[in-house]
Amino acid sequence: MPGLISGLELVEAMISSGEKAVADFFHISGGEWFDEAPEYFLSTYVARSAGNHANTFALLEVPVDITRREAGASRRGRAASHERRNGRFDVVLYWANGNPRAAVEIKSPIWSATGQQIHPDIDRLCSALLANSDSTFQFGAFFFYASVGKPKRKHDNATQRMRDLLARIEEKAIERAAVRGAEAILIPGSVHRGKEDEDGAWSIASLVITRAGGKRSFLTK
């Protein structure tokens, strides 16, 4: 399909748009950290980024059950509690023909790599993606803003603490996705410091969920 953007390029563009959301919020709020922004603020920038590309569209707050049916990812029987069939995906990306391409869950802010913050969304994305290998879903994305505050010790480095947090989040996601029979890949953005390193650091990143064996093909533009 002419002009089709790859999954990796799409996620990278979403990350760039997320970083713009942080910059815009800083401007309109008079210098507040993005930790103070409502999660929906980030969702709108993610959807706008996807919709800016040819042959890709996006909608916000789409019912999970409808999305899965449209993608051919419904299953008979009682739904597991983690599937949240009566809930909504934060953002859904679509192919040019109108079929769902990816479900996106957004979390902002994240301050620690706890299972409570990470596992529910990973479980929901895995369930949708793995329900049917012939569904139109290409991948799922757990998109997030993470930050670390001012180091408690004088010689601590906020930038390194941010990288360490991203590594722990990635480890948690890989373990959880593997339990569900899927793979998780961290697509990181840059690590940004406050005005001074001791003020803390933040980053926009995405955990991409693929079917088992799909990691290599996703990373190939």
C-alpha atoms as a PDB file:
ATOM      1  CA  MET A   1       0.000   0.000   0.000  1.00  0.00           C
ATOM      2  CA  PRO A   2       1.659   3.234  -1.145  1.00  0.00           C
ATOM      3  CA  GLY A   3       2.608   5.574   1.639  1.00  0.00           C
ATOM      4  CA  LEU A   4       1.969   3.057   4.429  1.00  0.00           C
ATOM      5  CA  ILE A   5       3.985   3.908   7.520  1.00  0.00           C
ATOM      6  CA  SER A   6       5.576   0.987   9.359  1.00  0.00           C
ATOM      7  CA  GLY A   7       4.569   0.117  12.902  1.00  0.00           C
ATOM      8  CA  LEU A   8       7.942   1.188  14.258  1.00  0.00           C
ATOM      9  CA  GLU A   9       7.859   4.512  12.430  1.00  0.00           C
ATOM     10  CA  LEU A  10       4.348   5.084  13.731  1.00  0.00           C
ATOM     11  CA  VAL A  11       5.369   4.484  17.352  1.00  0.00           C
ATOM     12  CA  GLU A  12       8.428   6.708  16.971  1.00  0.00           C
ATOM     13  CA  ALA A  13       6.215   9.484  15.593  1.00  0.00           C
ATOM     14  CA  MET A  14       3.852   9.040  18.546  1.00  0.00           C
ATOM     15  CA  ILE A  15       6.779   9.425  20.937  1.00  0.00           C
ATOM     16  CA  SER A  16       7.856  12.641  19.220  1.00  0.00           C
ATOM     17  CA  SER A  17       4.300  13.928  19.495  1.00  0.00           C
ATOM     18  CA  GLY A  18       4.248  12.959  23.171  1.00  0.00           C
ATOM     19  CA  GLU A  19       7.390  15.000  23.754  1.00  0.00           C
ATOM     20  CA  LYS A  20       5.658  17.941  22.084  1.00  0.00           C
ATOM     21  CA  ALA A  21       2.747  17.473  24.485  1.00  0.00           C
ATOM     22  CA  VAL A  22       5.162  17.846  27.404  1.00  0.00           C
ATOM     23  CA  ALA A  23       6.662  21.007  25.904  1.00  0.00           C
ATOM     24  CA  ASP A  24       3.241  22.508  25.183  1.00  0.00           C
ATOM     25  CA  PHE A  25       1.973  21.769  28.683  1.00  0.00           C
ATOM     26  CA  PHE A  26       5.093  23.362  30.165  1.00  0.00           C
ATOM     27  CA  HIS A  27       4.348  26.487  28.121  1.00  0.00           C
ATOM     28  CA  ILE A  28       0.636  26.831  28.812  1.00  0.00           C
ATOM     29  CA  SER A  29       0.937  25.962  32.514  1.00  0.00           C
ATOM     30  CA  GLY A  30       3.669  28.471  33.259  1.00  0.00           C
ATOM     31  CA  GLY A  31       6.407  25.899  33.778  1.00  0.00           C
ATOM     32  CA  GLU A  32       4.678  22.949  35.476  1.00  0.00           C
ATOM     33  CA  TRP A  33       6.035  19.417  35.052  1.00  0.00           C
ATOM     34  CA  PHE A  34       3.928  17.070  32.934  1.00  0.00           C
ATOM     35  CA  ASP A  35       3.181  15.055  36.070  1.00  0.00           C
ATOM     36  CA  GLU A  36       0.430  17.633  36.666  1.00  0.00           C
ATOM     37  CA  ALA A  37      -1.201  17.133  33.250  1.00  0.00           C
ATOM     38  CA  PRO A  38      -4.317  14.974  32.898  1.00  0.00           C
ATOM     39  CA  GLU A  39      -3.660  11.692  31.130  1.00  0.00           C
ATOM     40  CA  TYR A  40      -6.129  12.631  28.394  1.00  0.00           C
ATOM     41  CA  PHE A  41      -3.868  15.523  27.363  1.00  0.00           C
ATOM     42  CA  LEU A  42      -1.242  12.989  26.258  1.00  0.00           C
ATOM     43  CA  SER A  43      -3.852  10.774  24.577  1.00  0.00           C
ATOM     44  CA  THR A  44      -4.916  13.552  22.213  1.00  0.00           C
ATOM     45  CA  TYR A  45      -1.352  14.136  21.012  1.00  0.00           C
ATOM     46  CA  VAL A  46      -0.836  10.412  20.405  1.00  0.00           C
ATOM     47  CA  ALA A  47      -4.023  10.185  18.344  1.00  0.00           C
ATOM     48  CA  ARG A  48      -3.191  13.359  16.411  1.00  0.00           C
ATOM     49  CA  SER A  49       0.246  12.010  15.527  1.00  0.00           C
ATOM     50  CA  ALA A  50      -1.135   8.778  14.120  1.00  0.00           C
ATOM     51  CA  GLY A  51      -3.837  10.561  12.168  1.00  0.00           C
ATOM     52  CA  ASN A  52      -1.276  12.830  10.507  1.00  0.00           C
ATOM     53  CA  HIS A  53       0.085   9.938   8.415  1.00  0.00           C
ATOM     54  CA  ALA A  54      -1.353   8.717   5.141  1.00  0.00           C
ATOM     55  CA  ASN A  55      -3.409   5.520   5.330  1.00  0.00           C
ATOM     56  CA  THR A  56      -3.517   5.609   9.143  1.00  0.00           C
ATOM     57  CA  PHE A  57      -6.342   6.928  11.292  1.00  0.00           C
ATOM     58  CA  ALA A  58      -7.041   7.166  15.009  1.00  0.00           C
ATOM     59  CA  LEU A  59      -9.940   7.441  17.432  1.00  0.00           C
ATOM     60  CA  LEU A  60     -10.015   8.144  21.166  1.00  0.00           C
ATOM     61  CA  GLU A  61     -11.864   6.204  23.876  1.00  0.00           C
ATOM     62  CA  VAL A  62     -13.105   3.378  21.658  1.00  0.00           C
ATOM     63  CA  PRO A  63     -15.089   0.554  23.334  1.00  0.00           C
ATOM     64  CA  VAL A  64     -12.953  -2.560  23.778  1.00  0.00           C
ATOM     65  CA  ASP A  65     -15.691  -4.984  22.704  1.00  0.00           C
ATOM     66  CA  ILE A  66     -16.481  -3.084  19.494  1.00  0.00           C
ATOM     67  CA  THR A  67     -12.794  -2.728  18.614  1.00  0.00           C
ATOM     68  CA  ARG A  68     -12.131  -6.422  19.075  1.00  0.00           C
ATOM     69  CA  ARG A  69     -15.144  -7.413  16.990  1.00  0.00           C
ATOM     70  CA  GLU A  70     -14.111  -5.080  14.173  1.00  0.00           C
ATOM     71  CA  ALA A  71     -10.593  -6.532  14.265  1.00  0.00           C
ATOM     72  CA  GLY A  72     -11.817 -10.130  14.244  1.00  0.00           C
ATOM     73  CA  ALA A  73     -10.396 -10.645  17.736  1.00  0.00           C
ATOM     74  CA  SER A  74     -13.517 -11.691  19.625  1.00  0.00           C
ATOM     75  CA  ARG A  75     -13.762 -15.004  21.438  1.00  0.00           C
ATOM     76  CA  ARG A  76     -16.777 -16.981  22.524  1.00  0.00           C
ATOM     77  CA  GLY A  77     -17.396 -17.602  26.175  1.00  0.00           C
ATOM     78  CA  ARG A  78     -17.090 -15.571  29.309  1.00  0.00           C
ATOM     79  CA  ALA A  79     -14.516 -12.776  29.190  1.00  0.00           C
ATOM     80  CA  ALA A  80     -11.665 -12.771  31.700  1.00  0.00           C
ATOM     81  CA  SER A  81     -11.760  -9.855  34.134  1.00  0.00           C
ATOM     82  CA  HIS A  82      -8.500  -8.384  32.810  1.00  0.00           C
ATOM     83  CA  GLU A  83      -9.954  -8.047  29.312  1.00  0.00           C
ATOM     84  CA  ARG A  84     -12.256  -5.250  30.491  1.00  0.00           C
ATOM     85  CA  ARG A  85     -14.669  -5.874  27.617  1.00  0.00           C
ATOM     86  CA  ASN A  86     -17.005  -3.138  28.869  1.00  0.00           C
ATOM     87  CA  GLY A  87     -14.181  -0.607  29.026  1.00  0.00           C
ATOM     88  CA  ARG A  88     -12.488   1.515  26.378  1.00  0.00           C
ATOM     89  CA  PHE A  89      -9.077   1.582  24.760  1.00  0.00           C
ATOM     90  CA  ASP A  90      -7.473   5.009  25.183  1.00  0.00           C
ATOM     91  CA  VAL A  91      -6.599   5.207  21.477  1.00  0.00           C
ATOM     92  CA  VAL A  92      -7.195   2.870  18.559  1.00  0.00           C
ATOM     93  CA  LEU A  93      -5.173   3.121  15.343  1.00  0.00           C
ATOM     94  CA  TYR A  94      -6.772   2.026  12.073  1.00  0.00           C
ATOM     95  CA  TRP A  95      -5.638   0.794   8.683  1.00  0.00           C
ATOM     96  CA  ALA A  96      -6.821   2.718   5.619  1.00  0.00           C
ATOM     97  CA  ASN A  97      -9.701   0.239   5.150  1.00  0.00           C
ATOM     98  CA  GLY A  98     -11.082   1.081   8.590  1.00  0.00           C
ATOM     99  CA  ASN A  99     -10.020  -2.090  10.390  1.00  0.00           C
ATOM    100  CA  PRO A 100      -8.220  -1.734  13.751  1.00  0.00           C
ATOM    101  CA  ARG A 101      -4.439  -1.826  13.435  1.00  0.00           C
ATOM    102  CA  ALA A 102      -3.407  -1.328  17.067  1.00  0.00           C
ATOM    103  CA  ALA A 103      -4.901  -0.686  20.476  1.00  0.00           C
ATOM    104  CA  VAL A 104      -3.028   1.856  22.596  1.00  0.00           C
ATOM    105  CA  GLU A 105      -3.221   2.180  26.378  1.00  0.00           C
ATOM    106  CA  ILE A 106      -1.738   5.303  27.923  1.00  0.00           C
ATOM    107  CA  LYS A 107      -0.343   5.767  31.428  1.00  0.00           C
ATOM    108  CA  SER A 108       0.816   9.113  32.794  1.00  0.00           C
ATOM    109  CA  PRO A 109       2.622   9.610  35.026  1.00  0.00           C
ATOM    110  CA  ILE A 110       4.652   6.531  35.987  1.00  0.00           C
ATOM    111  CA  TRP A 111       7.064   6.944  38.884  1.00  0.00           C
ATOM    112  CA  SER A 112       7.934   3.316  39.615  1.00  0.00           C
ATOM    113  CA  ALA A 113       8.018  -0.065  37.880  1.00  0.00           C
ATOM    114  CA  THR A 114       5.245  -1.736  39.867  1.00  0.00           C
ATOM    115  CA  GLY A 115       3.119  -4.531  38.521  1.00  0.00           C
ATOM    116  CA  GLN A 116       0.031  -2.629  39.613  1.00  0.00           C
ATOM    117  CA  GLN A 117       0.828   0.145  37.128  1.00  0.00           C
ATOM    118  CA  ILE A 118       2.003  -2.065  34.274  1.00  0.00           C
ATOM    119  CA  HIS A 119       0.345  -5.497  34.340  1.00  0.00           C
ATOM    120  CA  PRO A 120      -3.366  -4.619  33.759  1.00  0.00           C
ATOM    121  CA  ASP A 121      -2.734  -2.787  30.486  1.00  0.00           C
ATOM    122  CA  ILE A 122      -0.227  -5.385  29.277  1.00  0.00           C
ATOM    123  CA  ASP A 123      -2.734  -8.161  30.013  1.00  0.00           C
ATOM    124  CA  ARG A 124      -5.521  -6.362  28.145  1.00  0.00           C
ATOM    125  CA  LEU A 125      -3.347  -5.687  25.093  1.00  0.00           C
ATOM    126  CA  CYS A 126      -2.063  -9.260  24.989  1.00  0.00           C
ATOM    127  CA  SER A 127      -5.582 -10.645  25.203  1.00  0.00           C
ATOM    128  CA  ALA A 128      -6.793  -8.547  22.268  1.00  0.00           C
ATOM    129  CA  LEU A 129      -3.741  -9.295  20.132  1.00  0.00           C
ATOM    130  CA  LEU A 130      -3.647 -13.049  20.768  1.00  0.00           C
ATOM    131  CA  ALA A 131      -7.366 -13.797  20.533  1.00  0.00           C
ATOM    132  CA  ASN A 132      -7.043 -14.573  16.831  1.00  0.00           C
ATOM    133  CA  SER A 133      -3.820 -14.826  14.835  1.00  0.00           C
ATOM    134  CA  ASP A 134      -5.771 -13.731  11.737  1.00  0.00           C
ATOM    135  CA  SER A 135      -7.165 -10.552  13.299  1.00  0.00           C
ATOM    136  CA  THR A 136      -6.312  -7.176  11.801  1.00  0.00           C
ATOM    137  CA  PHE A 137      -4.315  -6.161  14.899  1.00  0.00           C
ATOM    138  CA  GLN A 138      -0.634  -5.659  14.043  1.00  0.00           C
ATOM    139  CA  PHE A 139       0.516  -4.755  17.552  1.00  0.00           C
ATOM    140  CA  GLY A 140      -0.524  -3.232  20.866  1.00  0.00           C
ATOM    141  CA  ALA A 141       1.158  -0.311  22.612  1.00  0.00           C
ATOM    142  CA  PHE A 142       1.504   0.669  26.249  1.00  0.00           C
ATOM    143  CA  PHE A 143       2.458   4.320  25.841  1.00  0.00           C
ATOM    144  CA  PHE A 144       3.665   6.255  28.870  1.00  0.00           C
ATOM    145  CA  TYR A 145       5.241   9.313  30.430  1.00  0.00           C
ATOM    146  CA  ALA A 146       7.658   8.518  33.268  1.00  0.00           C
ATOM    147  CA  SER A 147       9.543  10.823  35.583  1.00  0.00           C
ATOM    148  CA  VAL A 148      11.934  10.741  38.500  1.00  0.00           C
ATOM    149  CA  GLY A 149      12.182  13.518  41.053  1.00  0.00           C
ATOM    150  CA  LYS A 150      15.053  15.356  42.634  1.00  0.00           C
ATOM    151  CA  PRO A 151      17.716  12.873  43.822  1.00  0.00           C
ATOM    152  CA  LYS A 152      17.881  12.473  47.586  1.00  0.00           C
ATOM    153  CA  ARG A 153      21.651  12.109  47.611  1.00  0.00           C
ATOM    154  CA  LYS A 154      23.980  14.823  46.356  1.00  0.00           C
ATOM    155  CA  HIS A 155      25.870  12.678  43.876  1.00  0.00           C
ATOM    156  CA  ASP A 156      22.861  10.840  42.432  1.00  0.00           C
ATOM    157  CA  ASN A 157      22.275  11.364  38.730  1.00  0.00           C
ATOM    158  CA  ALA A 158      18.650  11.930  37.665  1.00  0.00           C
ATOM    159  CA  THR A 159      19.356  10.975  34.052  1.00  0.00           C
ATOM    160  CA  GLN A 160      20.740   7.588  35.068  1.00  0.00           C
ATOM    161  CA  ARG A 161      17.887   7.049  37.496  1.00  0.00           C
ATOM    162  CA  MET A 162      15.461   7.651  34.641  1.00  0.00           C
ATOM    163  CA  ARG A 163      17.266   5.119  32.434  1.00  0.00           C
ATOM    164  CA  ASP A 164      17.207   2.615  35.303  1.00  0.00           C
ATOM    165  CA  LEU A 165      13.448   3.115  35.710  1.00  0.00           C
ATOM    166  CA  LEU A 166      12.872   2.515  31.989  1.00  0.00           C
ATOM    167  CA  ALA A 167      14.923  -0.680  32.194  1.00  0.00           C
ATOM    168  CA  ARG A 168      12.851  -1.946  35.136  1.00  0.00           C
ATOM    169  CA  ILE A 169       9.601  -1.126  33.330  1.00  0.00           C
ATOM    170  CA  GLU A 170      10.829  -2.994  30.257  1.00  0.00           C
ATOM    171  CA  GLU A 171      11.810  -6.020  32.359  1.00  0.00           C
ATOM    172  CA  LYS A 172       8.382  -6.136  34.025  1.00  0.00           C
ATOM    173  CA  ALA A 173       6.613  -5.884  30.672  1.00  0.00           C
ATOM    174  CA  ILE A 174       8.728  -8.574  28.996  1.00  0.00           C
ATOM    175  CA  GLU A 175       8.045 -10.972  31.864  1.00  0.00           C
ATOM    176  CA  ARG A 176       4.317 -10.270  31.870  1.00  0.00           C
ATOM    177  CA  ALA A 177       3.919 -10.517  28.096  1.00  0.00           C
ATOM    178  CA  ALA A 178       5.815 -13.821  28.072  1.00  0.00           C
ATOM    179  CA  VAL A 179       3.371 -15.248  30.617  1.00  0.00           C
ATOM    180  CA  ARG A 180       0.558 -14.368  28.186  1.00  0.00           C
ATOM    181  CA  GLY A 181       2.407 -15.831  25.178  1.00  0.00           C
ATOM    182  CA  ALA A 182       3.450 -12.523  23.598  1.00  0.00           C
ATOM    183  CA  GLU A 183       6.568 -10.361  23.297  1.00  0.00           C
ATOM    184  CA  ALA A 184       7.216  -6.841  24.589  1.00  0.00           C
ATOM    185  CA  ILE A 185       9.668  -4.340  23.141  1.00  0.00           C
ATOM    186  CA  LEU A 186      10.621  -1.005  24.691  1.00  0.00           C
ATOM    187  CA  ILE A 187      10.791   1.831  22.166  1.00  0.00           C
ATOM    188  CA  PRO A 188      12.392   4.614  24.215  1.00  0.00           C
ATOM    189  CA  GLY A 189      12.362   8.322  23.665  1.00  0.00           C
ATOM    190  CA  SER A 190      15.098  10.631  24.872  1.00  0.00           C
ATOM    191  CA  VAL A 191      15.720  11.234  28.571  1.00  0.00           C
ATOM    192  CA  HIS A 192      15.136  14.895  29.387  1.00  0.00           C
ATOM    193  CA  ARG A 193      16.399  16.697  32.462  1.00  0.00           C
ATOM    194  CA  GLY A 194      14.860  19.569  34.343  1.00  0.00           C
ATOM    195  CA  LYS A 195      16.533  22.958  34.223  1.00  0.00           C
ATOM    196  CA  GLU A 196      19.317  21.338  36.205  1.00  0.00           C
ATOM    197  CA  ASP A 197      20.028  17.615  36.514  1.00  0.00           C
ATOM    198  CA  GLU A 198      19.244  17.687  40.220  1.00  0.00           C
ATOM    199  CA  ASP A 199      15.688  18.809  39.399  1.00  0.00           C
ATOM    200  CA  GLY A 200      14.805  15.355  38.059  1.00  0.00           C
ATOM    201  CA  ALA A 201      14.263  13.822  34.631  1.00  0.00           C
ATOM    202  CA  TRP A 202      11.472  12.535  32.401  1.00  0.00           C
ATOM    203  CA  SER A 203      10.918  10.457  29.287  1.00  0.00           C
ATOM    204  CA  ILE A 204       8.180   9.455  26.858  1.00  0.00           C
ATOM    205  CA  ALA A 205       8.349   5.821  25.735  1.00  0.00           C
ATOM    206  CA  SER A 206       6.242   2.952  24.458  1.00  0.00           C
ATOM    207  CA  LEU A 207       6.143  -0.746  25.177  1.00  0.00           C
ATOM    208  CA  VAL A 208       5.081  -2.498  21.989  1.00  0.00           C
ATOM    209  CA  ILE A 209       3.302  -5.837  22.331  1.00  0.00           C
ATOM    210  CA  THR A 210       3.645  -8.302  19.442  1.00  0.00           C
ATOM    211  CA  ARG A 211       2.699 -11.911  18.878  1.00  0.00           C
ATOM    212  CA  ALA A 212       5.409 -14.447  19.732  1.00  0.00           C
ATOM    213  CA  GLY A 213       8.110 -14.220  17.096  1.00  0.00           C
ATOM    214  CA  GLY A 214       6.921 -10.836  15.872  1.00  0.00           C
ATOM    215  CA  LYS A 215       9.554  -8.700  17.529  1.00  0.00           C
ATOM    216  CA  ARG A 216      12.115  -8.943  14.728  1.00  0.00           C
ATOM    217  CA  SER A 217       9.678  -8.030  11.951  1.00  0.00           C
ATOM    218  CA  PHE A 218       8.277  -5.081  13.942  1.00  0.00           C
ATOM    219  CA  LEU A 219      11.734  -3.610  14.428  1.00  0.00           C
ATOM    220  CA  THR A 220      12.407  -3.774  10.680  1.00  0.00           C
ATOM    221  CA  LYS A 221      11.269  -0.532   9.045  1.00  0.00           C
END
